[in-house]
Amino acid sequence: DIIQSDSYTASVTRADGSVTEMVWEPTHFYA
């Protein structure tokens, strides 16, 4: 599931309690 994903959005709770989203994408050139 991970390696075939086009991207992934993570929900991250910061130390101050705020919530931010991070988007990660594959690094290989075919993707």
All heavy atoms as atom14 arrays in JSON, in Angstrom:
{
  "sequence": "DIIQSDSYTASVTRADGSVTEMVWEPTHFYA",
  "atom14_mask": [
    [1, 1, 1, 1, 1, 1, 1, 1, 0, 0, 0, 0, 0, 0],
    [1, 1, 1, 1, 1, 1, 1, 1, 0, 0, 0, 0, 0, 0],
    [1, 1, 1, 1, 1, 1, 1, 1, 0, 0, 0, 0, 0, 0],
    [1, 1, 1, 1, 1, 1, 1, 1, 1, 0, 0, 0, 0, 0],
    [1, 1, 1, 1, 1, 1, 0, 0, 0, 0, 0, 0, 0, 0],
    [1, 1, 1, 1, 1, 1, 1, 1, 0, 0, 0, 0, 0, 0],
    [1, 1, 1, 1, 1, 1, 0, 0, 0, 0, 0, 0, 0, 0],
    [1, 1, 1, 1, 1, 1, 1, 1, 1, 1, 1, 1, 0, 0],
    [1, 1, 1, 1, 1, 1, 1, 0, 0, 0, 0, 0, 0, 0],
    [1, 1, 1, 1, 1, 0, 0, 0, 0, 0, 0, 0, 0, 0],
    [1, 1, 1, 1, 1, 1, 0, 0, 0, 0, 0, 0, 0, 0],
    [1, 1, 1, 1, 1, 1, 1, 0, 0, 0, 0, 0, 0, 0],
    [1, 1, 1, 1, 1, 1, 1, 0, 0, 0, 0, 0, 0, 0],
    [1, 1, 1, 1, 1, 1, 1, 1, 1, 1, 1, 0, 0, 0],
    [1, 1, 1, 1, 1, 0, 0, 0, 0, 0, 0, 0, 0, 0],
    [1, 1, 1, 1, 1, 1, 1, 1, 0, 0, 0, 0, 0, 0],
    [1, 1, 1, 1, 0, 0, 0, 0, 0, 0, 0, 0, 0, 0],
    [1, 1, 1, 1, 1, 1, 0, 0, 0, 0, 0, 0, 0, 0],
    [1, 1, 1, 1, 1, 1, 1, 0, 0, 0, 0, 0, 0, 0],
    [1, 1, 1, 1, 1, 1, 1, 0, 0, 0, 0, 0, 0, 0],
    [1, 1, 1, 1, 1, 1, 1, 1, 1, 0, 0, 0, 0, 0],
    [1, 1, 1, 1, 1, 1, 1, 1, 0, 0, 0, 0, 0, 0],
    [1, 1, 1, 1, 1, 1, 1, 0, 0, 0, 0, 0, 0, 0],
    [1, 1, 1, 1, 1, 1, 1, 1, 1, 1, 1, 1, 1, 1],
    [1, 1, 1, 1, 1, 1, 1, 1, 1, 0, 0, 0, 0, 0],
    [1, 1, 1, 1, 1, 1, 1, 0, 0, 0, 0, 0, 0, 0],
    [1, 1, 1, 1, 1, 1, 1, 0, 0, 0, 0, 0, 0, 0],
    [1, 1, 1, 1, 1, 1, 1, 1, 1, 1, 0, 0, 0, 0],
    [1, 1, 1, 1, 1, 1, 1, 1, 1, 1, 1, 0, 0, 0],
    [1, 1, 1, 1, 1, 1, 1, 1, 1, 1, 1, 1, 0, 0],
    [1, 1, 1, 1, 1, 0, 0, 0, 0, 0, 0, 0, 0, 0]
  ],
  "atom14_positions": [
    [[0.83, -1.21, 0.0], [0.0, 0.0, 0.0], [0.86, 1.25, 0.0], [0.52, 2.26, -0.66], [-0.92, 0.01, 1.22], [-1.99, -1.08, 1.17], [-2.25, -1.61, 0.07], [-2.56, -1.39, 2.23], [0.0, 0.0, 0.0], [0.0, 0.0, 0.0], [0.0, 0.0, 0.0], [0.0, 0.0, 0.0], [0.0, 0.0, 0.0], [0.0, 0.0, 0.0]],
    [[1.96, 1.22, 0.74], [2.84, 2.39, 0.83], [3.52, 2.67, -0.51], [3.47, 3.79, -1.03], [3.89, 2.2, 1.94], [3.22, 2.16, 3.32], [4.93, 3.33, 1.9], [4.14, 1.75, 4.45], [0.0, 0.0, 0.0], [0.0, 0.0, 0.0], [0.0, 0.0, 0.0], [0.0, 0.0, 0.0], [0.0, 0.0, 0.0], [0.0, 0.0, 0.0]],
    [[4.19, 1.66, -1.07], [5.01, 1.92, -2.26], [4.19, 2.25, -3.49], [4.7, 2.88, -4.42], [5.97, 0.75, -2.56], [5.21, -0.52, -2.91], [6.93, 0.52, -1.4], [6.11, -1.66, -3.39], [0.0, 0.0, 0.0], [0.0, 0.0, 0.0], [0.0, 0.0, 0.0], [0.0, 0.0, 0.0], [0.0, 0.0, 0.0], [0.0, 0.0, 0.0]],
    [[2.91, 1.85, -3.52], [2.11, 2.16, -4.71], [1.3, 3.46, -4.55], [0.55, 3.84, -5.44], [1.17, 1.0, -5.04], [0.06, 0.75, -4.03], [-0.78, -0.46, -4.42], [-0.54, -1.12, -5.44], [-1.79, -0.74, -3.61], [0.0, 0.0, 0.0], [0.0, 0.0, 0.0], [0.0, 0.0, 0.0], [0.0, 0.0, 0.0], [0.0, 0.0, 0.0]],
    [[1.5, 4.16, -3.43], [0.78, 5.41, -3.2], [1.36, 6.55, -4.04], [2.58, 6.7, -4.14], [0.84, 5.79, -1.72], [0.22, 4.82, -0.91], [0.0, 0.0, 0.0], [0.0, 0.0, 0.0], [0.0, 0.0, 0.0], [0.0, 0.0, 0.0], [0.0, 0.0, 0.0], [0.0, 0.0, 0.0], [0.0, 0.0, 0.0], [0.0, 0.0, 0.0]],
    [[0.48, 7.36, -4.61], [0.92, 8.56, -5.33], [1.33, 9.66, -4.37], [2.18, 10.49, -4.69], [-0.2, 9.06, -6.23], [-0.53, 8.08, -7.36], [0.4, 7.37, -7.81], [-1.7, 8.02, -7.77], [0.0, 0.0, 0.0], [0.0, 0.0, 0.0], [0.0, 0.0, 0.0], [0.0, 0.0, 0.0], [0.0, 0.0, 0.0], [0.0, 0.0, 0.0]],
    [[0.72, 9.67, -3.2], [1.07, 10.63, -2.15], [0.42, 10.18, -0.85], [-0.42, 9.26, -0.84], [0.58, 12.05, -2.51], [-0.84, 12.1, -2.51], [0.0, 0.0, 0.0], [0.0, 0.0, 0.0], [0.0, 0.0, 0.0], [0.0, 0.0, 0.0], [0.0, 0.0, 0.0], [0.0, 0.0, 0.0], [0.0, 0.0, 0.0], [0.0, 0.0, 0.0]],
    [[0.83, 10.81, 0.24], [0.26, 10.48, 1.54], [0.21, 11.76, 2.37], [1.18, 12.53, 2.4], [1.1, 9.43, 2.26], [0.56, 9.04, 3.62], [-0.49, 8.13, 3.74], [1.1, 9.59, 4.79], [-0.99, 7.77, 4.98], [0.6, 9.23, 6.04], [-0.45, 8.32, 6.12], [-0.95, 7.98, 7.36], [0.0, 0.0, 0.0], [0.0, 0.0, 0.0]],
    [[-0.91, 11.98, 3.04], [-1.08, 13.14, 3.9], [-1.09, 12.7, 5.35], [-1.95, 11.9, 5.76], [-2.38, 13.9, 3.58], [-2.36, 14.3, 2.2], [-2.52, 15.13, 4.47], [0.0, 0.0, 0.0], [0.0, 0.0, 0.0], [0.0, 0.0, 0.0], [0.0, 0.0, 0.0], [0.0, 0.0, 0.0], [0.0, 0.0, 0.0], [0.0, 0.0, 0.0]],
    [[-0.13, 13.19, 6.12], [-0.01, 12.85, 7.54], [-0.55, 14.01, 8.38], [-0.3, 15.18, 8.08], [1.44, 12.58, 7.91], [0.0, 0.0, 0.0], [0.0, 0.0, 0.0], [0.0, 0.0, 0.0], [0.0, 0.0, 0.0], [0.0, 0.0, 0.0], [0.0, 0.0, 0.0], [0.0, 0.0, 0.0], [0.0, 0.0, 0.0], [0.0, 0.0, 0.0]],
    [[-1.28, 13.66, 9.44], [-1.76, 14.66, 10.39], [-0.82, 14.67, 11.59], [-0.67, 13.64, 12.28], [-3.19, 14.32, 10.84], [-3.66, 15.26, 11.79], [0.0, 0.0, 0.0], [0.0, 0.0, 0.0], [0.0, 0.0, 0.0], [0.0, 0.0, 0.0], [0.0, 0.0, 0.0], [0.0, 0.0, 0.0], [0.0, 0.0, 0.0], [0.0, 0.0, 0.0]],
    [[-0.18, 15.81, 11.82], [0.85, 15.91, 12.85], [0.43, 16.92, 13.92], [0.08, 18.06, 13.59], [2.2, 16.34, 12.23], [3.28, 16.43, 13.3], [2.6, 15.38, 11.12], [0.0, 0.0, 0.0], [0.0, 0.0, 0.0], [0.0, 0.0, 0.0], [0.0, 0.0, 0.0], [0.0, 0.0, 0.0], [0.0, 0.0, 0.0], [0.0, 0.0, 0.0]],
    [[0.45, 16.48, 15.18], [0.16, 17.37, 16.29], [1.47, 17.96, 16.8], [2.35, 17.22, 17.24], [-0.56, 16.63, 17.43], [-1.79, 16.07, 16.93], [-0.88, 17.58, 18.58], [0.0, 0.0, 0.0], [0.0, 0.0, 0.0], [0.0, 0.0, 0.0], [0.0, 0.0, 0.0], [0.0, 0.0, 0.0], [0.0, 0.0, 0.0], [0.0, 0.0, 0.0]],
    [[1.6, 19.27, 16.72], [2.82, 19.95, 17.14], [2.91, 20.0, 18.66], [1.94, 19.73, 19.38], [2.86, 21.37, 16.58], [2.91, 21.46, 15.06], [4.21, 20.89, 14.49], [4.41, 21.26, 13.09], [5.38, 20.82, 12.34], [6.27, 19.98, 12.83], [5.49, 21.2, 11.08], [0.0, 0.0, 0.0], [0.0, 0.0, 0.0], [0.0, 0.0, 0.0]],
    [[4.1, 20.34, 19.15], [4.33, 20.4, 20.59], [3.41, 21.41, 21.27], [3.05, 21.24, 22.45], [5.79, 20.74, 20.87], [0.0, 0.0, 0.0], [0.0, 0.0, 0.0], [0.0, 0.0, 0.0], [0.0, 0.0, 0.0], [0.0, 0.0, 0.0], [0.0, 0.0, 0.0], [0.0, 0.0, 0.0], [0.0, 0.0, 0.0], [0.0, 0.0, 0.0]],
    [[2.98, 22.45, 20.56], [2.1, 23.46, 21.15], [0.63, 23.09, 21.05], [-0.25, 23.89, 21.41], [2.35, 24.83, 20.5], [2.03, 24.84, 19.0], [1.55, 23.81, 18.48], [2.28, 25.87, 18.35], [0.0, 0.0, 0.0], [0.0, 0.0, 0.0], [0.0, 0.0, 0.0], [0.0, 0.0, 0.0], [0.0, 0.0, 0.0], [0.0, 0.0, 0.0]],
    [[0.33, 21.88, 20.52], [-1.04, 21.42, 20.42], [-1.7, 21.69, 19.09], [-2.79, 21.16, 18.81], [0.0, 0.0, 0.0], [0.0, 0.0, 0.0], [0.0, 0.0, 0.0], [0.0, 0.0, 0.0], [0.0, 0.0, 0.0], [0.0, 0.0, 0.0], [0.0, 0.0, 0.0], [0.0, 0.0, 0.0], [0.0, 0.0, 0.0], [0.0, 0.0, 0.0]],
    [[-1.11, 22.5, 18.26], [-1.68, 22.76, 16.94], [-1.51, 21.54, 16.04], [-0.63, 20.71, 16.26], [-1.01, 23.98, 16.3], [0.38, 23.74, 16.1], [0.0, 0.0, 0.0], [0.0, 0.0, 0.0], [0.0, 0.0, 0.0], [0.0, 0.0, 0.0], [0.0, 0.0, 0.0], [0.0, 0.0, 0.0], [0.0, 0.0, 0.0], [0.0, 0.0, 0.0]],
    [[-2.38, 21.45, 15.04], [-2.35, 20.31, 14.13], [-2.03, 20.81, 12.73], [-2.59, 21.8, 12.25], [-3.7, 19.56, 14.12], [-3.67, 18.41, 13.12], [-4.02, 19.04, 15.52], [0.0, 0.0, 0.0], [0.0, 0.0, 0.0], [0.0, 0.0, 0.0], [0.0, 0.0, 0.0], [0.0, 0.0, 0.0], [0.0, 0.0, 0.0], [0.0, 0.0, 0.0]],
    [[-1.09, 20.13, 12.07], [-0.72, 20.49, 10.71], [-0.73, 19.24, 9.84], [-0.61, 18.11, 10.34], [0.68, 21.15, 10.66], [0.93, 21.63, 9.35], [1.76, 20.14, 11.05], [0.0, 0.0, 0.0], [0.0, 0.0, 0.0], [0.0, 0.0, 0.0], [0.0, 0.0, 0.0], [0.0, 0.0, 0.0], [0.0, 0.0, 0.0], [0.0, 0.0, 0.0]],
    [[-0.89, 19.44, 8.54], [-0.85, 18.33, 7.6], [0.42, 18.4, 6.77], [0.84, 19.47, 6.34], [-2.07, 18.35, 6.69], [-3.36, 17.99, 7.41], [-4.54, 17.86, 6.46], [-4.43, 18.35, 5.3], [-5.54, 17.26, 6.85], [0.0, 0.0, 0.0], [0.0, 0.0, 0.0], [0.0, 0.0, 0.0], [0.0, 0.0, 0.0], [0.0, 0.0, 0.0]],
    [[1.02, 17.22, 6.57], [2.22, 17.12, 5.74], [1.93, 16.16, 4.59], [1.36, 15.08, 4.8], [3.4, 16.6, 6.55], [3.88, 17.55, 7.63], [5.35, 16.89, 8.46], [5.8, 18.3, 9.47], [0.0, 0.0, 0.0], [0.0, 0.0, 0.0], [0.0, 0.0, 0.0], [0.0, 0.0, 0.0], [0.0, 0.0, 0.0], [0.0, 0.0, 0.0]],
    [[2.3, 16.56, 3.39], [2.08, 15.73, 2.2], [3.42, 15.2, 1.71], [4.36, 15.97, 1.48], [1.39, 16.53, 1.08], [1.19, 15.64, -0.15], [0.05, 17.09, 1.57], [0.0, 0.0, 0.0], [0.0, 0.0, 0.0], [0.0, 0.0, 0.0], [0.0, 0.0, 0.0], [0.0, 0.0, 0.0], [0.0, 0.0, 0.0], [0.0, 0.0, 0.0]],
    [[3.49, 13.87, 1.58], [4.72, 13.22, 1.14], [4.47, 12.45, -0.14], [3.44, 11.78, -0.29], [5.24, 12.28, 2.24], [5.57, 13.01, 3.51], [6.19, 14.21, 3.62], [5.27, 12.59, 4.84], [6.33, 14.57, 4.94], [5.78, 13.6, 5.73], [4.65, 11.48, 5.41], [5.66, 13.52, 7.11], [4.53, 11.39, 6.79], [5.04, 12.4, 7.63]],
    [[5.42, 12.53, -1.07], [5.28, 11.89, -2.38], [6.49, 11.02, -2.69], [7.57, 11.23, -2.14], [5.13, 12.97, -3.47], [3.89, 13.83, -3.28], [3.79, 14.92, -4.32], [4.82, 15.22, -4.97], [2.69, 15.48, -4.49], [0.0, 0.0, 0.0], [0.0, 0.0, 0.0], [0.0, 0.0, 0.0], [0.0, 0.0, 0.0], [0.0, 0.0, 0.0]],
    [[6.32, 10.04, -3.6], [7.44, 9.16, -3.95], [8.6, 9.93, -4.57], [8.38, 10.93, -5.27], [6.83, 8.19, -4.96], [5.35, 8.29, -4.77], [5.08, 9.68, -4.3], [0.0, 0.0, 0.0], [0.0, 0.0, 0.0], [0.0, 0.0, 0.0], [0.0, 0.0, 0.0], [0.0, 0.0, 0.0], [0.0, 0.0, 0.0], [0.0, 0.0, 0.0]],
    [[9.8, 9.46, -4.34], [10.98, 10.14, -4.86], [11.49, 9.56, -6.18], [12.35, 10.18, -6.82], [12.13, 10.08, -3.83], [12.37, 8.7, -3.49], [11.78, 10.85, -2.57], [0.0, 0.0, 0.0], [0.0, 0.0, 0.0], [0.0, 0.0, 0.0], [0.0, 0.0, 0.0], [0.0, 0.0, 0.0], [0.0, 0.0, 0.0], [0.0, 0.0, 0.0]],
    [[10.99, 8.39, -6.6], [11.52, 7.83, -7.86], [10.9, 8.55, -9.06], [9.76, 9.02, -9.03], [11.34, 6.31, -7.92], [9.91, 5.84, -8.02], [9.26, 5.76, -9.23], [9.04, 5.39, -7.07], [8.03, 5.29, -9.03], [7.87, 5.06, -7.73], [0.0, 0.0, 0.0], [0.0, 0.0, 0.0], [0.0, 0.0, 0.0], [0.0, 0.0, 0.0]],
    [[11.69, 8.64, -10.12], [11.33, 9.46, -11.28], [10.17, 8.89, -12.08], [9.51, 9.64, -12.83], [12.55, 9.65, -12.19], [13.53, 10.67, -11.7], [13.39, 11.26, -10.44], [14.61, 11.06, -12.49], [14.3, 12.21, -9.98], [15.52, 12.02, -12.04], [15.36, 12.59, -10.79], [0.0, 0.0, 0.0], [0.0, 0.0, 0.0], [0.0, 0.0, 0.0]],
    [[9.9, 7.59, -11.99], [8.76, 7.04, -12.71], [7.46, 7.6, -12.13], [6.5, 7.86, -12.86], [8.75, 5.51, -12.63], [9.91, 4.85, -13.32], [10.73, 3.95, -12.62], [10.2, 5.09, -14.66], [11.8, 3.33, -13.24], [11.27, 4.48, -15.29], [12.07, 3.6, -14.57], [13.13, 2.99, -15.19], [0.0, 0.0, 0.0], [0.0, 0.0, 0.0]],
    [[7.43, 7.79, -10.82], [6.23, 8.32, -10.18], [6.04, 9.8, -10.49], [4.92, 10.28, -10.68], [6.31, 8.11, -8.66], [0.0, 0.0, 0.0], [0.0, 0.0, 0.0], [0.0, 0.0, 0.0], [0.0, 0.0, 0.0], [0.0, 0.0, 0.0], [0.0, 0.0, 0.0], [0.0, 0.0, 0.0], [0.0, 0.0, 0.0], [0.0, 0.0, 0.0]]
  ]
}
